[in-house]
Amino acid sequence: MGASYGSLFGTKLLLAGHSVTLVCTPPTAELISREGTVVRFPIRGRDTSVEIRSQGLAGELSASIPETVDPAAF
């Protein structure tokens, strides 16, 4: 649950043009760095969800492991 909420909130921040750092395990950080994230929003009255991909949004996304993140830098 934590990662899904973080990705959702992070995507909303990216849409607004903010820089976002997701803190995750090494394999997940590598995947996000390579492919970005995808959040799917269900829309009432539509048969399919709307997909928002982090790549190409106004903000900048990075993914790091806990050992490399300094909270004081934010």
Foldseek 3Di string as FASTA:
>chain_A
DVVLVLLVVQLVCLQVQEEDEAEDDPVVQVVCQVFNDWDWADDPPDPGTDIDGSPPGNYHYHYYYPVPDDVVVD
